[in-house]
Amino acid sequence: MEQELSCEQVIEQLLAYLDGELGEQSRAAIDRHLSRCRECYSRAEFERKLREKLQEAARVPAPARLRARIDDLLNEY
């Protein structure tokens, strides 16, 4: 019989899960947990959507003025 994961265990592995870095058994255990735990499922969906938004934002180039300000800040350090 397979041991069920706790919410804490799922959250600890959630980013690796979303990045596809877990083995088959670990991924299946998290899938099972997410199918029965609304709170963890909501957290996983939030993380997925946040990643999608960040990827979309990364495709839009920053305005030249912002890039110049960042370059100035980086050159100060």
Foldseek 3Di string as FASTA:
>chain_A
DDDADDLVVCVVCLVCLVVVNDDPVVNVSSVVVLVPDVVSVVVSVVVVVVVVVVVVVVVDDDDPVVVVVVVVVVVVD
